[in-house]
Amino acid sequence: MEDNNASAAGTPATSENETVGQESFAELLEKSSSRKARLRPGQTVRAKVVGISSETVYIDLGGKSEGVVDLSEFRDENGVVVIKEGDTIEASFVSVVDGAMKMSTLMHGHSTVKLTKLREASENGSPVTGEVRREIKGGFEVNIDGIRCFCPFSQIDLKRGREGGLYVGRSFEFKILEFKENGRTIVLSRRAILQDEKTAAVNRLKESLQVGIEITGKVSSIQKFGAFVDIGGIEGLIPSSELSWAKSDRPEKTLAPGQEVTAKLIAIDWEKNRLTLSLKAMQPDPWQNIHEKYPVGSKLEGPVVRLTNFGAFVNIEPGIDGLIHISNLGAGRRINHPKEVVEVGKVVEAYVLSVDQQANKISLSIEPKAAPKKINYPAVDELVDGVVEKVMPFGIFVRINDDLNGLVPNSEMGTPRGTDHAKSFHTGTPMKVLVIDVDTEQGKVTLSRKAIIQKEEEADLRRYRETGAKETKSENGLSDFGELLKAKLEEKGIRS
């Protein structure tokens, strides 16, 4: 650029009669002049930087034409030149000044160089960095190299971000969703960046995570149903039931946002990108060896933590509640609801009735339970004499001894179907029965009257055959066997 004026005007340093190739200087000048004439003020062109001087940047406008742009338009906040020869820029034609085509990269107050970079970022999907300046209607104003952009609330975070204080004044990476009207409208998304990061993190975690491992992360949020923990790009949920063995623990009382925790991974659902964590699994199981800690008959105390229609729950130790059933609350008297005897928060003394470690259950009683009385159960096929205790629609209860009743089902009574047993068998009526089933665990004995009748009939028939009874006629014309059969039928309620 020995002669800036000549270069700026696109005029070669040759005489009028000298030719360049096949074109004369006059022809080149005519083309240059026509090019100048074709550009209108404000018209934008894309051109390559062909030279840089101390104050001016020269761009190639095609043919032998060059435009000039003030170098000051290409300095950053620190005064450093941010352009070099060979770069392509967008510039607008301003006017012809001293024969030079004056160009500018400033459009609507913005540098077209910066707008070009944003347009290119929009086209290739590369991220840009911007500062969230303030909250406006529908979202946030974001500044990128002095250019105002817009980020909707729904695009500022993975979850809809309405808490401006979390974002205003901070710089983030964004993706450009829209670049319209030559840069007048630029819509950004931080959510897209975060989603890409989350997807990459999930892919990495899929290769390393497995159920049973311990994971360290920070509590990101507290909900009524549990706490979310950020483990690096993806969140895991600690449900309320997995906070501790103590059922009364609540997330807001146990954890706080930002707190670092180590939990065990107990479930993975990659289809929904859900991880379930447990703090409880990191703690000793209080139900381990529960029989040794609280043997049947032992005495303990604890506060009432919950009342239900069927009883009161007593907290024995963290993670262990015992139930006092309503039938064991009244100390011998009948009550309609546990609140008649106890209230939540009251400390009570209780005795252990039973322990079920597999089901994590302990049954308690206000009073010590007397040692169970030994019951003498009859053997199956044993004949017993009893008395009718109670007649029910499904059968008759027969008192066998002072400690035990047995049931004769209707099907084992040996009476015709439809017989009204209440009329035929009053309370206290003696009855001989046969034991056909004994369940000592349930304390149930099943009896049969029909089997007694059948055995008696079989015995009578056997005696008849053994004695060789003759077919002698009775006064009513029946044989001895006929008289016997008639008597049995009448006993069963069947009349000839």
Protein backbone atom coordinates (compact mmCIF):
# COMPACT_ATOMS: atom_id res chain seq x y z
CA MET A 1 0.00 0.00 0.00
CA GLU A 2 2.58 2.56 -1.14
CA ASP A 3 -0.09 4.95 -2.30
CA ASN A 4 -3.07 4.79 0.03
CA ASN A 5 -5.13 7.22 -2.04
CA ALA A 6 -4.58 5.29 -5.20
CA SER A 7 -5.34 2.00 -3.51
CA ALA A 8 -8.35 3.36 -1.72
CA ALA A 9 -9.78 4.65 -4.96
CA GLY A 10 -9.03 1.43 -6.71
CA THR A 11 -6.82 3.36 -9.24
CA PRO A 12 -3.65 1.58 -10.47
CA ALA A 13 -0.44 3.68 -10.67
CA THR A 14 -0.16 3.55 -14.49
CA SER A 15 -0.39 6.03 -17.32
CA GLU A 16 -3.60 6.49 -19.29
CA ASN A 17 -2.08 4.85 -22.39
CA GLU A 18 -0.57 1.85 -20.50
CA THR A 19 -2.56 -1.35 -20.73
CA VAL A 20 -2.91 -4.03 -18.09
CA GLY A 21 -3.52 -7.34 -19.75
CA GLN A 22 -6.26 -6.70 -22.30
CA GLU A 23 -7.79 -3.71 -20.45
CA SER A 24 -6.65 -0.11 -20.55
CA PHE A 25 -6.46 2.15 -17.55
CA ALA A 26 -9.52 3.98 -18.86
CA GLU A 27 -11.53 0.75 -18.92
CA LEU A 28 -10.53 -0.14 -15.39
CA LEU A 29 -11.40 3.34 -14.21
CA GLU A 30 -14.78 3.06 -15.88
CA LYS A 31 -15.46 -0.27 -14.18
CA SER A 32 -14.36 1.14 -10.85
CA SER A 33 -16.61 4.15 -11.27
CA SER A 34 -19.55 1.98 -12.27
CA ARG A 35 -19.01 -0.18 -9.17
CA LYS A 36 -19.06 2.90 -7.00
CA ALA A 37 -22.21 4.02 -8.65
CA ARG A 38 -23.91 0.73 -8.08
CA LEU A 39 -23.40 0.79 -4.28
CA ARG A 40 -26.09 2.67 -2.41
CA PRO A 41 -25.56 4.24 1.00
CA GLY A 42 -26.36 1.62 3.64
CA GLN A 43 -25.87 -1.28 1.22
CA THR A 44 -23.99 -4.17 2.90
CA VAL A 45 -21.37 -6.36 1.22
CA ARG A 46 -19.16 -9.23 2.32
CA ALA A 47 -15.52 -8.61 1.52
CA LYS A 48 -12.05 -9.92 2.32
CA VAL A 49 -9.47 -7.86 4.20
CA VAL A 50 -6.57 -7.21 1.83
CA GLY A 51 -4.53 -4.76 3.88
CA ILE A 52 -4.21 -3.05 7.24
CA SER A 53 -2.43 0.26 7.94
CA SER A 54 -2.03 2.23 11.14
CA GLU A 55 -5.54 3.70 10.87
CA THR A 56 -7.32 1.96 8.01
CA VAL A 57 -8.47 -1.51 6.98
CA TYR A 58 -8.70 -2.16 3.21
CA ILE A 59 -11.24 -4.61 1.83
CA ASP A 60 -11.60 -6.09 -1.64
CA LEU A 61 -14.81 -4.96 -3.33
CA GLY A 62 -14.22 -6.97 -6.48
CA GLY A 63 -12.26 -6.25 -9.61
CA LYS A 64 -9.72 -3.61 -8.75
CA SER A 65 -11.96 -1.82 -6.25
CA GLU A 66 -11.16 -1.48 -2.58
CA GLY A 67 -13.08 -0.07 0.32
CA VAL A 68 -11.69 1.53 3.45
CA VAL A 69 -12.86 1.01 7.04
CA ASP A 70 -11.56 2.81 10.12
CA LEU A 71 -9.27 0.48 12.10
CA SER A 72 -10.91 1.73 15.32
CA GLU A 73 -13.96 -0.39 14.48
CA PHE A 74 -11.84 -3.50 14.96
CA ARG A 75 -10.33 -2.78 18.35
CA ASP A 76 -11.67 -4.51 21.51
CA GLU A 77 -12.17 -2.92 24.92
CA ASN A 78 -8.41 -3.11 25.54
CA GLY A 79 -7.50 -1.51 22.20
CA VAL A 80 -6.23 -4.75 20.66
CA VAL A 81 -6.86 -5.18 16.91
CA VAL A 82 -9.11 -8.22 16.41
CA ILE A 83 -8.85 -8.55 12.64
CA LYS A 84 -6.16 -9.72 10.22
CA GLU A 85 -5.56 -9.94 6.50
CA GLY A 86 -7.59 -12.70 4.89
CA ASP A 87 -10.60 -12.33 7.25
CA THR A 88 -14.00 -11.84 5.63
CA ILE A 89 -16.22 -9.14 7.09
CA GLU A 90 -19.53 -7.46 6.40
CA ALA A 91 -19.46 -3.72 5.84
CA SER A 92 -21.94 -1.10 4.70
CA PHE A 93 -21.23 1.54 2.09
CA VAL A 94 -21.26 5.03 3.57
CA SER A 95 -20.05 7.39 0.82
CA VAL A 96 -17.14 8.28 -1.44
CA VAL A 97 -14.64 10.39 0.50
CA ASP A 98 -11.67 11.87 -1.39
CA GLY A 99 -12.21 9.28 -4.10
CA ALA A 100 -12.18 6.38 -1.64
CA MET A 101 -15.18 4.18 -0.93
CA LYS A 102 -15.83 4.75 2.75
CA MET A 103 -17.27 1.58 4.44
CA SER A 104 -18.36 0.83 8.01
CA THR A 105 -19.01 -2.32 9.98
CA LEU A 106 -21.39 -0.57 12.38
CA MET A 107 -25.09 -1.40 11.82
CA HIS A 108 -27.85 -0.28 14.19
CA GLY A 109 -25.14 0.54 16.71
CA HIS A 110 -23.50 -2.89 16.41
CA SER A 111 -20.39 -4.09 14.70
CA THR A 112 -21.15 -6.25 11.70
CA VAL A 113 -18.03 -8.22 12.59
CA LYS A 114 -19.61 -9.20 15.88
CA LEU A 115 -22.95 -9.83 14.20
CA THR A 116 -21.22 -12.01 11.63
CA LYS A 117 -19.68 -14.08 14.40
CA LEU A 118 -23.09 -14.51 16.03
CA ARG A 119 -24.67 -15.45 12.70
CA GLU A 120 -21.97 -18.05 12.12
CA ALA A 121 -22.44 -19.38 15.67
CA SER A 122 -26.16 -19.66 14.97
CA GLU A 123 -25.54 -21.56 11.74
CA ASN A 124 -23.01 -24.04 13.09
CA GLY A 125 -24.51 -24.43 16.57
CA SER A 126 -21.39 -23.33 18.45
CA PRO A 127 -21.86 -21.79 21.92
CA VAL A 128 -21.43 -18.10 22.72
CA THR A 129 -20.78 -16.45 26.07
CA GLY A 130 -23.00 -13.68 27.36
CA GLU A 131 -23.80 -11.82 30.56
CA VAL A 132 -27.34 -11.79 31.95
CA ARG A 133 -27.97 -8.07 32.45
CA ARG A 134 -31.54 -7.86 33.74
CA GLU A 135 -34.91 -9.56 33.94
CA ILE A 136 -37.45 -8.33 31.38
CA LYS A 137 -40.90 -9.40 30.27
CA GLY A 138 -40.86 -13.08 29.38
CA GLY A 139 -37.19 -13.67 30.13
CA PHE A 140 -33.76 -12.06 30.45
CA GLU A 141 -31.70 -9.52 28.52
CA VAL A 142 -28.29 -11.00 27.72
CA ASN A 143 -25.31 -8.97 26.49
CA ILE A 144 -22.85 -10.57 24.04
CA ASP A 145 -19.98 -8.27 23.01
CA GLY A 146 -22.27 -5.25 23.40
CA ILE A 147 -25.11 -6.82 21.42
CA ARG A 148 -28.46 -7.19 23.19
CA CYS A 149 -29.99 -10.67 23.02
CA PHE A 150 -33.00 -12.33 24.63
CA CYS A 151 -33.25 -15.57 26.62
CA PRO A 152 -36.78 -16.74 27.58
CA PHE A 153 -37.44 -17.94 31.14
CA SER A 154 -37.97 -21.47 29.80
CA GLN A 155 -34.51 -21.48 28.22
CA ILE A 156 -32.38 -20.17 31.08
CA ASP A 157 -32.20 -23.52 32.91
CA LEU A 158 -33.28 -27.15 32.75
CA LYS A 159 -36.13 -26.19 35.04
CA ARG A 160 -38.09 -23.03 34.25
CA GLY A 161 -36.07 -20.23 35.84
CA ARG A 162 -38.11 -17.39 37.31
CA GLU A 163 -35.68 -16.55 40.12
CA GLY A 164 -33.83 -13.68 38.46
CA GLY A 165 -31.43 -13.36 41.38
CA LEU A 166 -29.87 -16.68 40.46
CA TYR A 167 -28.84 -15.48 36.99
CA VAL A 168 -28.62 -11.66 36.78
CA GLY A 169 -25.03 -10.43 36.75
CA ARG A 170 -23.58 -13.83 35.86
CA SER A 171 -22.10 -15.01 32.57
CA PHE A 172 -23.10 -18.29 30.92
CA GLU A 173 -22.69 -20.12 27.65
CA PHE A 174 -25.69 -20.02 25.33
CA LYS A 175 -26.80 -21.48 22.03
CA ILE A 176 -28.41 -19.18 19.49
CA LEU A 177 -31.92 -20.40 18.70
CA GLU A 178 -32.91 -17.55 16.37
CA PHE A 179 -30.95 -14.95 14.40
CA LYS A 180 -33.41 -12.72 12.54
CA GLU A 181 -33.61 -9.34 10.86
CA ASN A 182 -29.86 -9.17 10.36
CA GLY A 183 -29.24 -9.31 14.09
CA ARG A 184 -32.13 -7.19 15.33
CA THR A 185 -33.64 -10.30 16.97
CA ILE A 186 -31.34 -12.85 18.63
CA VAL A 187 -32.91 -15.52 20.87
CA LEU A 188 -30.64 -17.57 23.14
CA SER A 189 -30.90 -20.82 25.10
CA ARG A 190 -28.80 -21.87 28.07
CA ARG A 191 -31.06 -24.89 28.52
CA ALA A 192 -29.76 -26.39 25.26
CA ILE A 193 -26.18 -26.18 26.58
CA LEU A 194 -27.16 -27.79 29.90
CA GLN A 195 -29.12 -30.52 28.13
CA ASP A 196 -26.11 -31.39 25.99
CA GLU A 197 -23.93 -31.49 29.10
CA LYS A 198 -26.46 -33.67 30.89
CA THR A 199 -26.67 -36.09 27.97
CA ALA A 200 -22.88 -36.37 27.86
CA ALA A 201 -22.77 -36.92 31.64
CA VAL A 202 -25.47 -39.59 31.48
CA ASN A 203 -23.55 -41.43 28.77
CA ARG A 204 -20.43 -41.38 30.94
CA LEU A 205 -22.35 -42.51 34.01
CA LYS A 206 -23.98 -45.39 32.15
CA GLU A 207 -20.56 -46.91 31.75
CA SER A 208 -19.66 -46.71 35.43
CA LEU A 209 -22.81 -46.79 37.58
CA GLN A 210 -24.30 -49.98 38.97
CA VAL A 211 -26.72 -50.79 41.77
CA GLY A 212 -25.01 -51.14 45.13
CA ILE A 213 -22.20 -48.61 44.73
CA GLU A 214 -21.79 -45.53 46.92
CA ILE A 215 -22.15 -42.09 45.30
CA THR A 216 -21.18 -38.66 46.64
CA GLY A 217 -23.03 -35.55 45.50
CA LYS A 218 -24.61 -32.29 46.64
CA VAL A 219 -28.25 -31.78 47.57
CA SER A 220 -29.74 -29.68 44.78
CA SER A 221 -33.32 -29.32 46.05
CA ILE A 222 -35.67 -30.45 48.82
CA GLN A 223 -39.19 -31.71 48.07
CA LYS A 224 -41.95 -33.13 50.27
CA PHE A 225 -41.36 -36.59 48.82
CA GLY A 226 -37.55 -36.54 49.12
CA ALA A 227 -34.30 -34.81 48.20
CA PHE A 228 -32.57 -34.49 44.82
CA VAL A 229 -28.81 -34.95 44.74
CA ASP A 230 -26.59 -33.69 41.89
CA ILE A 231 -23.96 -36.33 41.15
CA GLY A 232 -22.38 -34.51 38.23
CA GLY A 233 -24.68 -33.76 35.33
CA ILE A 234 -27.56 -35.90 36.53
CA GLU A 235 -29.68 -35.94 39.66
CA GLY A 236 -30.56 -38.85 41.90
CA LEU A 237 -33.56 -38.92 44.24
CA ILE A 238 -33.43 -39.92 47.89
CA PRO A 239 -37.10 -40.73 48.69
CA SER A 240 -38.36 -39.79 52.15
CA SER A 241 -38.59 -43.48 53.01
CA GLU A 242 -34.85 -43.87 52.29
CA LEU A 243 -33.60 -40.99 54.47
CA SER A 244 -33.18 -43.13 57.58
CA TRP A 245 -34.68 -46.05 59.46
CA ALA A 246 -36.68 -43.57 61.55
CA LYS A 247 -40.05 -43.21 59.81
CA SER A 248 -40.60 -39.75 61.30
CA ASP A 249 -37.61 -38.16 59.53
CA ARG A 250 -38.54 -35.55 56.90
CA PRO A 251 -36.29 -34.24 54.09
CA GLU A 252 -36.30 -30.60 55.24
CA LYS A 253 -35.25 -31.63 58.75
CA THR A 254 -32.56 -34.06 57.63
CA LEU A 255 -30.88 -32.35 54.66
CA ALA A 256 -30.23 -28.85 53.27
CA PRO A 257 -29.54 -27.55 49.73
CA GLY A 258 -25.81 -27.56 48.98
CA GLN A 259 -25.08 -30.22 51.61
CA GLU A 260 -22.70 -32.95 50.48
CA VAL A 261 -23.95 -36.48 51.06
CA THR A 262 -22.81 -40.01 50.33
CA ALA A 263 -25.61 -42.45 49.49
CA LYS A 264 -26.01 -45.93 48.09
CA LEU A 265 -27.43 -46.42 44.60
CA ILE A 266 -30.40 -48.78 44.96
CA ALA A 267 -32.21 -48.48 41.59
CA ILE A 268 -31.46 -47.35 38.00
CA ASP A 269 -33.95 -46.51 35.25
CA TRP A 270 -32.00 -45.32 32.21
CA GLU A 271 -35.15 -45.05 30.08
CA LYS A 272 -36.30 -42.17 32.29
CA ASN A 273 -32.78 -41.21 33.46
CA ARG A 274 -33.79 -41.81 37.06
CA LEU A 275 -31.46 -42.86 39.85
CA THR A 276 -32.76 -43.81 43.30
CA LEU A 277 -30.43 -43.31 46.23
CA SER A 278 -30.60 -44.33 49.88
CA LEU A 279 -29.07 -42.91 53.03
CA LYS A 280 -30.83 -45.58 55.06
CA ALA A 281 -28.84 -48.28 53.29
CA MET A 282 -25.65 -46.66 54.61
CA GLN A 283 -26.84 -47.12 58.21
CA PRO A 284 -26.93 -50.32 60.32
CA ASP A 285 -30.24 -52.19 60.22
CA PRO A 286 -31.82 -51.68 63.68
CA TRP A 287 -33.91 -54.82 63.17
CA GLN A 288 -30.81 -57.01 63.05
CA ASN A 289 -30.82 -59.43 66.04
CA ILE A 290 -34.06 -57.84 67.25
CA HIS A 291 -35.01 -61.04 69.10
CA GLU A 292 -31.93 -60.72 71.27
CA LYS A 293 -32.49 -57.04 72.04
CA TYR A 294 -36.20 -57.37 72.85
CA PRO A 295 -37.10 -60.94 73.83
CA VAL A 296 -40.74 -61.90 74.34
CA GLY A 297 -41.89 -60.88 77.81
CA SER A 298 -39.29 -58.12 78.24
CA LYS A 299 -40.33 -54.70 79.48
CA LEU A 300 -39.56 -51.47 77.61
CA GLU A 301 -40.73 -47.88 77.31
CA GLY A 302 -41.06 -45.25 74.61
CA PRO A 303 -43.20 -42.37 73.36
CA VAL A 304 -46.45 -42.89 71.48
CA VAL A 305 -45.79 -41.64 67.93
CA ARG A 306 -49.03 -42.51 66.14
CA LEU A 307 -52.62 -43.51 66.89
CA THR A 308 -54.88 -45.55 64.62
CA ASN A 309 -58.30 -47.13 65.04
CA PHE A 310 -56.67 -50.48 65.76
CA GLY A 311 -53.96 -49.42 68.21
CA ALA A 312 -51.05 -47.17 69.22
CA PHE A 313 -47.51 -47.19 67.81
CA VAL A 314 -44.68 -46.76 70.31
CA ASN A 315 -41.16 -45.73 69.24
CA ILE A 316 -38.74 -48.14 70.91
CA GLU A 317 -35.56 -46.79 69.27
CA PRO A 318 -34.77 -44.91 66.02
CA GLY A 319 -36.22 -46.98 63.19
CA ILE A 320 -38.21 -49.36 65.40
CA ASP A 321 -41.87 -48.86 66.31
CA GLY A 322 -43.94 -51.40 68.20
CA LEU A 323 -47.74 -51.74 68.06
CA ILE A 324 -49.97 -51.97 71.09
CA HIS A 325 -53.16 -53.42 69.68
CA ILE A 326 -56.36 -51.85 70.98
CA SER A 327 -57.24 -55.15 72.66
CA ASN A 328 -54.04 -54.84 74.73
CA LEU A 329 -54.53 -51.19 75.71
CA GLY A 330 -57.52 -51.27 78.01
CA ALA A 331 -55.94 -53.22 80.89
CA GLY A 332 -58.92 -55.55 80.90
CA ARG A 333 -61.64 -53.06 79.96
CA ARG A 334 -63.09 -52.59 76.49
CA ILE A 335 -62.20 -49.32 74.71
CA ASN A 336 -63.43 -47.90 71.40
CA HIS A 337 -60.31 -45.94 70.43
CA PRO A 338 -56.70 -45.78 71.71
CA LYS A 339 -57.09 -42.05 72.45
CA GLU A 340 -59.21 -43.05 75.46
CA VAL A 341 -56.03 -44.40 77.07
CA VAL A 342 -52.97 -42.77 75.48
CA GLU A 343 -52.02 -39.73 73.38
CA VAL A 344 -49.24 -38.93 70.93
CA GLY A 345 -46.06 -37.93 72.78
CA LYS A 346 -46.93 -39.77 75.97
CA VAL A 347 -44.23 -42.14 77.22
CA VAL A 348 -45.62 -45.55 78.10
CA GLU A 349 -44.29 -48.79 79.53
CA ALA A 350 -45.07 -51.91 77.55
CA TYR A 351 -44.26 -55.60 77.35
CA VAL A 352 -43.13 -57.52 74.27
CA LEU A 353 -45.74 -60.04 73.12
CA SER A 354 -44.13 -61.17 69.84
CA VAL A 355 -41.30 -60.26 67.45
CA ASP A 356 -41.36 -60.78 63.66
CA GLN A 357 -37.95 -59.81 62.26
CA GLN A 358 -38.81 -60.62 58.64
CA ALA A 359 -41.87 -58.36 58.67
CA ASN A 360 -40.19 -55.74 60.94
CA LYS A 361 -43.01 -55.98 63.48
CA ILE A 362 -43.12 -55.99 67.28
CA SER A 363 -46.38 -56.53 69.17
CA LEU A 364 -46.67 -54.92 72.60
CA SER A 365 -49.09 -54.90 75.52
CA ILE A 366 -49.68 -52.48 78.40
CA GLU A 367 -49.80 -55.43 80.79
CA PRO A 368 -47.55 -58.47 80.86
CA LYS A 369 -49.13 -61.43 79.14
CA ALA A 370 -49.79 -64.44 81.31
CA ALA A 371 -48.05 -67.64 80.34
CA PRO A 372 -50.27 -69.56 77.99
CA LYS A 373 -52.25 -72.31 79.66
CA LYS A 374 -51.46 -75.81 78.48
CA ILE A 375 -54.41 -77.32 76.66
CA ASN A 376 -54.91 -81.05 76.37
CA TYR A 377 -55.99 -81.68 72.78
CA PRO A 378 -57.75 -84.96 71.90
CA ALA A 379 -56.28 -87.19 69.19
CA VAL A 380 -57.75 -87.63 65.73
CA ASP A 381 -60.28 -90.54 65.60
CA GLU A 382 -60.78 -90.27 69.37
CA LEU A 383 -64.37 -90.61 70.66
CA VAL A 384 -65.26 -87.88 73.14
CA ASP A 385 -68.32 -86.99 75.15
CA GLY A 386 -69.33 -83.34 75.15
CA VAL A 387 -72.22 -80.99 75.59
CA VAL A 388 -73.73 -78.47 73.18
CA GLU A 389 -72.18 -75.03 73.86
CA LYS A 390 -73.69 -72.94 71.05
CA VAL A 391 -75.69 -73.48 67.86
CA MET A 392 -74.57 -71.44 64.85
CA PRO A 393 -75.87 -71.30 61.24
CA PHE A 394 -72.76 -73.20 60.06
CA GLY A 395 -72.64 -75.84 62.83
CA ILE A 396 -72.66 -76.59 66.55
CA PHE A 397 -69.91 -75.81 69.07
CA VAL A 398 -69.48 -78.65 71.54
CA ARG A 399 -67.66 -78.22 74.86
CA ILE A 400 -65.08 -81.04 75.03
CA ASN A 401 -63.46 -80.03 78.33
CA ASP A 402 -63.05 -76.95 80.52
CA ASP A 403 -60.45 -75.42 78.17
CA LEU A 404 -61.57 -76.48 74.73
CA ASN A 405 -64.52 -76.30 72.35
CA GLY A 406 -64.85 -78.18 69.10
CA LEU A 407 -66.99 -77.48 66.05
CA VAL A 408 -69.36 -79.96 64.44
CA PRO A 409 -70.02 -78.52 60.95
CA ASN A 410 -73.54 -78.97 59.57
CA SER A 411 -72.15 -81.42 57.02
CA GLU A 412 -70.93 -83.62 59.92
CA MET A 413 -74.16 -83.59 61.98
CA GLY A 414 -75.72 -86.58 60.23
CA THR A 415 -79.12 -84.90 60.08
CA PRO A 416 -81.29 -84.31 56.99
CA ARG A 417 -80.52 -81.14 55.04
CA GLY A 418 -82.53 -78.19 56.32
CA THR A 419 -82.85 -79.51 59.88
CA ASP A 420 -83.24 -76.71 62.44
CA HIS A 421 -80.52 -77.70 64.91
CA ALA A 422 -81.47 -74.96 67.34
CA LYS A 423 -84.77 -76.76 68.00
CA SER A 424 -83.27 -80.24 68.31
CA PHE A 425 -80.01 -79.51 70.15
CA HIS A 426 -80.37 -77.08 73.04
CA THR A 427 -77.45 -75.71 75.06
CA GLY A 428 -76.28 -78.40 77.50
CA THR A 429 -77.52 -81.32 75.39
CA PRO A 430 -75.04 -84.25 75.69
CA MET A 431 -73.42 -85.28 72.40
CA LYS A 432 -70.95 -88.03 71.56
CA VAL A 433 -68.65 -87.01 68.72
CA LEU A 434 -65.58 -88.22 66.83
CA VAL A 435 -62.45 -86.03 66.47
CA ILE A 436 -61.63 -85.70 62.74
CA ASP A 437 -59.06 -82.83 62.79
CA VAL A 438 -56.88 -80.96 65.34
CA ASP A 439 -55.05 -77.66 64.70
CA THR A 440 -53.03 -76.82 67.81
CA GLU A 441 -51.56 -73.60 66.32
CA GLN A 442 -55.01 -72.14 65.71
CA GLY A 443 -56.57 -73.88 68.70
CA LYS A 444 -59.25 -75.49 66.51
CA VAL A 445 -60.78 -78.95 66.79
CA THR A 446 -63.18 -80.31 64.16
CA LEU A 447 -65.74 -82.94 65.26
CA SER A 448 -68.23 -85.25 63.58
CA ARG A 449 -71.53 -86.65 64.85
CA LYS A 450 -72.25 -88.33 61.50
CA ALA A 451 -69.15 -90.51 61.86
CA ILE A 452 -70.45 -91.82 65.23
CA ILE A 453 -73.76 -92.80 63.66
CA GLN A 454 -72.03 -94.52 60.75
CA LYS A 455 -69.72 -96.44 63.09
CA GLU A 456 -72.67 -97.60 65.22
CA GLU A 457 -74.54 -98.77 62.15
CA GLU A 458 -71.49 -100.62 60.89
CA ALA A 459 -71.01 -102.25 64.32
CA ASP A 460 -74.68 -103.37 64.50
CA LEU A 461 -74.52 -104.84 61.00
CA ARG A 462 -71.27 -106.64 61.83
CA ARG A 463 -72.76 -108.17 65.01
CA TYR A 464 -75.80 -109.28 63.09
CA ARG A 465 -73.70 -111.07 60.52
CA GLU A 466 -71.44 -112.65 63.15
CA THR A 467 -74.33 -114.11 65.23
CA GLY A 468 -76.11 -115.41 62.15
CA ALA A 469 -79.41 -113.89 63.14
CA LYS A 470 -82.47 -115.62 61.77
CA GLU A 471 -85.09 -113.89 59.63
CA THR A 472 -87.81 -114.24 62.30
CA LYS A 473 -90.76 -111.96 62.00
CA SER A 474 -91.75 -109.46 64.60
CA GLU A 475 -95.28 -108.49 65.36
CA ASN A 476 -95.20 -105.78 62.69
CA GLY A 477 -93.84 -108.20 60.13
CA LEU A 478 -90.20 -107.05 60.13
CA SER A 479 -87.13 -109.22 60.63
CA ASP A 480 -84.62 -108.57 63.40
CA PHE A 481 -82.39 -106.73 60.91
CA GLY A 482 -85.37 -104.76 59.63
CA GLU A 483 -86.24 -103.67 63.18
CA LEU A 484 -82.64 -102.55 63.69
CA LEU A 485 -82.54 -100.58 60.44
CA LYS A 486 -85.89 -98.95 61.19
CA ALA A 487 -84.64 -97.79 64.60
CA LYS A 488 -81.56 -96.20 63.10
CA LEU A 489 -83.59 -94.42 60.46
CA GLU A 490 -85.96 -93.04 63.06
CA GLU A 491 -82.98 -91.89 65.12
CA LYS A 492 -81.78 -89.92 62.11
CA GLY A 493 -85.21 -88.37 61.70
CA ILE A 494 -86.36 -90.42 58.67
CA ARG A 495 -89.86 -91.96 59.00
CA SER A 496 -90.96 -94.94 56.91
